[in-house]
Protein backbone atom coordinates (compact mmCIF):
# COMPACT_ATOMS: atom_id res chain seq x y z
CA MET A 1 -10.42 -17.78 -9.55
CA SER A 2 -10.18 -18.71 -5.88
CA ARG A 3 -7.12 -17.58 -4.09
CA PHE A 4 -6.84 -21.14 -2.87
CA THR A 5 -6.69 -22.53 -6.18
CA GLU A 6 -4.08 -25.26 -6.05
CA GLN A 7 -1.98 -23.48 -8.88
CA ALA A 8 -1.98 -20.16 -10.68
CA ARG A 9 -2.23 -20.72 -14.48
CA SER A 10 -1.23 -17.51 -15.62
CA VAL A 11 0.52 -14.40 -14.26
CA SER A 12 -3.00 -12.58 -13.95
CA ASP A 13 -4.03 -15.68 -12.10
CA ALA A 14 -1.18 -15.44 -9.81
CA LEU A 15 -1.57 -11.71 -9.17
CA ASP A 16 -5.33 -12.17 -8.36
CA THR A 17 -4.72 -15.24 -5.98
CA ARG A 18 -1.59 -13.86 -4.23
CA PHE A 19 -2.48 -12.69 -0.64
CA SER A 20 -0.03 -11.97 2.49
CA CYS A 21 -0.89 -15.32 3.87
CA ARG A 22 -1.00 -15.26 7.69
CA ALA A 23 -1.77 -18.89 8.41
CA PHE A 24 -0.05 -21.77 7.05
CA LYS A 25 -0.40 -25.77 7.25
CA ASP A 26 2.73 -27.53 8.43
CA THR A 27 3.26 -29.54 5.16
CA PRO A 28 7.01 -29.36 4.22
CA VAL A 29 7.72 -27.52 1.04
CA PRO A 30 9.87 -29.53 -1.29
CA GLU A 31 13.42 -28.54 -1.76
CA GLU A 32 13.19 -29.06 -5.61
CA ASP A 33 10.35 -26.34 -5.56
CA ILE A 34 12.05 -23.99 -3.62
CA ARG A 35 15.10 -24.44 -6.18
CA ALA A 36 12.79 -23.79 -9.08
CA ILE A 37 11.16 -20.82 -7.71
CA LEU A 38 14.54 -19.23 -7.05
CA ASN A 39 16.33 -20.31 -10.31
CA THR A 40 13.46 -18.60 -12.21
CA ALA A 41 13.13 -15.52 -10.04
CA MET A 42 16.73 -14.85 -10.40
CA ARG A 43 15.49 -13.50 -13.99
CA ALA A 44 13.98 -10.74 -12.29
CA PRO A 45 15.20 -7.52 -13.56
CA SER A 46 18.10 -5.20 -12.00
CA GLY A 47 19.63 -1.90 -13.05
CA GLY A 48 22.97 -2.67 -14.81
CA ASN A 49 22.25 -6.65 -14.19
CA LEU A 50 23.67 -6.00 -10.75
CA GLN A 51 21.69 -8.59 -9.26
CA PRO A 52 21.92 -7.39 -5.73
CA TRP A 53 19.92 -9.68 -3.83
CA HIS A 54 21.16 -12.40 -1.27
CA VAL A 55 18.97 -14.89 -0.25
CA TRP A 56 18.88 -17.40 2.85
CA VAL A 57 16.38 -20.27 2.91
CA ALA A 58 15.53 -22.23 6.20
CA GLN A 59 13.49 -25.12 6.99
CA GLY A 60 13.11 -27.83 9.69
CA ALA A 61 14.80 -27.95 13.05
CA PRO A 62 17.16 -25.03 12.41
CA LEU A 63 14.22 -22.60 11.47
CA ALA A 64 12.16 -24.08 14.49
CA ASP A 65 15.10 -23.52 16.88
CA PHE A 66 15.59 -19.88 15.65
CA VAL A 67 11.79 -19.16 15.91
CA ALA A 68 11.78 -20.46 19.60
CA SER A 69 14.86 -18.24 20.26
CA ILE A 70 12.98 -15.10 19.15
CA LYS A 71 10.12 -16.01 21.19
CA GLU A 72 12.19 -16.22 24.14
CA LYS A 73 13.73 -12.81 23.62
CA MET A 74 10.23 -11.44 22.90
CA ALA A 75 9.22 -11.92 26.63
CA GLU A 76 11.95 -9.65 27.62
CA THR A 77 12.35 -7.16 24.45
CA PRO A 78 8.86 -7.29 22.79
CA GLY A 79 9.76 -4.48 20.57
CA GLY A 80 12.73 -6.17 18.95
CA GLU A 81 16.51 -5.28 18.83
CA GLY A 82 16.27 -2.65 15.91
CA SER A 83 16.30 -2.71 12.32
CA GLU A 84 18.68 -1.09 10.08
CA TYR A 85 16.19 1.00 8.13
CA HIS A 86 12.90 2.67 8.51
CA ILE A 87 10.15 0.03 7.97
CA TYR A 88 7.69 2.99 7.28
CA PRO A 89 8.22 6.67 7.24
CA PRO A 90 8.58 8.17 11.04
CA ASP A 91 5.77 10.59 10.29
CA LEU A 92 3.63 8.49 7.63
CA ILE A 93 0.98 10.91 6.12
CA ASP A 94 -2.33 10.21 4.51
CA PRO A 95 -3.60 8.66 2.52
CA TYR A 96 -1.00 6.01 3.48
CA ASN A 97 -1.41 6.17 7.01
CA THR A 98 -5.06 5.67 6.88
CA ARG A 99 -4.53 2.68 4.53
CA ARG A 100 -2.25 1.06 6.87
CA ARG A 101 -4.69 1.59 9.67
CA ASP A 102 -7.58 0.30 7.74
CA LEU A 103 -5.67 -2.82 6.67
CA GLY A 104 -5.08 -3.66 10.46
CA GLU A 105 -8.73 -3.04 11.28
CA ARG A 106 -9.88 -5.36 8.30
CA MET A 107 -7.58 -8.08 9.63
CA TYR A 108 -8.23 -7.98 13.26
CA ASN A 109 -12.11 -8.11 12.56
CA ALA A 110 -11.50 -11.13 10.23
CA ILE A 111 -10.46 -12.92 13.42
CA GLY A 112 -12.64 -11.25 15.79
CA VAL A 113 -10.14 -9.15 17.83
CA ALA A 114 -11.56 -6.10 19.17
CA ARG A 115 -9.89 -2.60 19.21
CA GLU A 116 -9.72 -2.83 22.92
CA ASP A 117 -8.43 -6.20 22.93
CA LYS A 118 -4.52 -5.22 23.15
CA ILE A 119 -3.74 -8.73 24.32
CA GLY A 120 -5.06 -10.48 21.39
CA ARG A 121 -3.63 -7.87 19.10
CA LEU A 122 -0.20 -8.48 20.79
CA ALA A 123 -0.86 -12.17 20.31
CA GLN A 124 -1.45 -11.66 16.44
CA MET A 125 1.36 -9.48 15.93
CA ALA A 126 3.61 -12.02 17.68
CA ARG A 127 2.54 -14.48 15.02
CA ASN A 128 4.88 -12.74 12.52
CA PHE A 129 7.73 -14.11 14.55
CA GLU A 130 6.84 -17.48 13.75
CA PHE A 131 6.27 -17.01 10.23
CA PHE A 132 2.56 -17.74 10.93
CA GLY A 133 3.44 -21.43 11.19
CA ALA A 134 4.91 -21.61 7.47
CA PRO A 135 7.43 -24.59 7.31
CA CYS A 136 9.86 -22.48 5.09
CA ALA A 137 11.48 -18.87 5.48
CA MET A 138 13.40 -16.81 3.10
CA PHE A 139 15.46 -13.91 4.32
CA PHE A 140 16.88 -11.32 2.01
CA ALA A 141 19.77 -9.01 2.45
CA LEU A 142 21.79 -6.86 0.13
CA ASP A 143 25.30 -4.91 0.46
CA LYS A 144 25.23 -1.86 2.60
CA SER A 145 27.01 -0.06 -0.74
CA MET A 146 23.49 -0.46 -2.59
CA GLN A 147 21.11 2.34 -3.25
CA GLU A 148 17.35 3.34 -3.54
CA GLY A 149 17.48 1.72 -7.06
CA GLN A 150 18.83 -1.58 -5.83
CA TRP A 151 16.25 -1.70 -3.16
CA SER A 152 13.87 -1.39 -5.99
CA ASP A 153 15.55 -4.34 -7.79
CA MET A 154 15.37 -6.52 -4.40
CA GLY A 155 11.55 -5.64 -4.49
CA MET A 156 11.05 -6.99 -8.08
CA PHE A 157 12.96 -10.22 -7.14
CA ILE A 158 10.80 -10.91 -4.18
CA GLN A 159 7.75 -10.16 -6.09
CA SER A 160 8.96 -12.70 -8.71
CA ILE A 161 9.43 -15.19 -5.78
CA MET A 162 5.75 -14.88 -4.51
CA LEU A 163 4.15 -14.99 -7.93
CA LEU A 164 6.09 -18.25 -9.07
CA ALA A 165 5.18 -19.83 -5.61
CA ARG A 166 1.63 -19.40 -6.74
CA GLU A 167 2.29 -21.36 -9.79
CA ARG A 168 3.27 -24.33 -7.60
CA GLY A 169 0.15 -24.08 -5.31
CA LEU A 170 2.15 -22.12 -2.51
CA HIS A 171 1.34 -19.10 -0.81
CA SER A 172 3.60 -16.64 0.86
CA CYS A 173 3.75 -13.32 3.16
CA PRO A 174 6.58 -11.07 2.86
CA GLN A 175 7.64 -9.70 6.14
CA GLU A 176 9.58 -6.46 6.83
CA ALA A 177 8.35 -7.08 10.56
CA TRP A 178 11.57 -9.28 10.87
CA ALA A 179 13.55 -6.32 10.36
CA ILE A 180 13.46 -5.64 13.99
CA TRP A 181 15.21 -8.48 14.90
CA THR A 182 18.01 -7.93 12.51
CA PRO A 183 21.07 -8.60 15.19
CA SER A 184 19.44 -12.03 15.82
CA VAL A 185 18.61 -12.84 12.17
CA LYS A 186 22.43 -11.77 11.05
CA ALA A 187 23.70 -14.24 13.98
CA PHE A 188 21.47 -16.97 12.81
CA LEU A 189 22.27 -17.11 9.26
CA SER A 190 26.09 -15.46 9.68
CA ILE A 191 24.99 -12.49 7.52
CA PRO A 192 28.07 -10.29 7.16
CA ASP A 193 28.42 -6.93 8.55
CA ASN A 194 28.71 -5.49 5.18
CA MET A 195 25.20 -6.28 4.29
CA THR A 196 21.65 -4.68 5.05
CA PHE A 197 19.06 -7.12 6.35
CA PHE A 198 15.93 -6.34 4.58
CA CYS A 199 13.24 -8.66 5.45
CA GLY A 200 11.55 -12.19 5.70
CA LEU A 201 9.19 -14.07 3.89
CA ALA A 202 7.10 -17.06 4.61
CA LEU A 203 6.38 -19.58 2.19
CA GLY A 204 4.13 -22.58 2.37
CA TYR A 205 0.63 -24.16 2.06
CA ALA A 206 -2.26 -21.80 2.99
CA ASP A 207 -4.63 -22.86 5.81
CA ASP A 208 -7.73 -22.04 3.66
CA GLU A 209 -9.90 -22.73 6.81
CA ASN A 210 -8.35 -20.14 9.09
CA PRO A 211 -10.66 -16.63 8.92
CA ILE A 212 -7.44 -14.71 8.83
CA ASN A 213 -6.81 -16.01 5.43
CA ASN A 214 -10.51 -15.40 4.31
CA TRP A 215 -10.49 -11.74 3.85
CA GLU A 216 -9.25 -9.54 1.09
CA SER A 217 -7.22 -6.11 1.52
CA PRO A 218 -8.49 -3.64 -0.87
CA ARG A 219 -7.04 -1.57 -3.61
CA ALA A 220 -7.27 1.83 -4.60
CA PRO A 221 -9.13 2.77 -7.89
CA ILE A 222 -6.76 3.06 -11.11
CA ASP A 223 -7.85 6.86 -11.36
CA GLU A 224 -6.45 7.47 -7.95
CA MET A 225 -2.84 6.11 -8.78
CA VAL A 226 -2.58 6.59 -12.63
CA ARG A 227 -2.27 9.56 -14.77
CA PHE A 228 -2.65 8.79 -18.53
CA VAL A 229 -0.73 11.47 -20.74
CA GLY A 230 -1.03 11.60 -24.58
CA PHE A 231 -4.11 9.36 -24.68
CA SER A 232 -7.65 10.35 -26.40
CA ASP A 233 -10.54 10.80 -24.44
């Protein structure tokens, strides 16, 4: 099944065709679709039914103005303003570091940006903070009193949103990169100080002609990740 198939017909289809979309069409996302996705995603599991997620959804002029303000700030502070958590472990070990580097090389190769082209790589990185042209953005936060279990709950909630988006012919890109602009995001959305801003998510219709959407990130084989205990040979 093509990753650009209009609508996923099953959970398996949604998983197989979901990818981190990095180029979107400017077609607006109907509010009724967004509400339906979120209403269903709220059925995601959470320990003790805490439902620790908080979501802000932005589209149209307010989002465009915010993205423009970040672009201005990047000229003086390209590294952002600082996050409230480590997006990656400070000393990322293998095989995780190798996987991350491999992903970057595959992506830049797809769009013809060489390793030595620092300007080109920085320009592509900056696209994160335009939501890759997506017309709709979601922002996620949770109370600072929450612990690791609730962060896991947040991940299941976001995954549910991404799979439900495929059911409606939409694509998405979860973006922890937005964490480096936490103060600006919190000011834009009036996120209270007692919450940790976690990530953004781009939502819209994929540009199927852009080469950055026409490659696939690899996955490790099941035997590298999974141990079966108590099963017959």
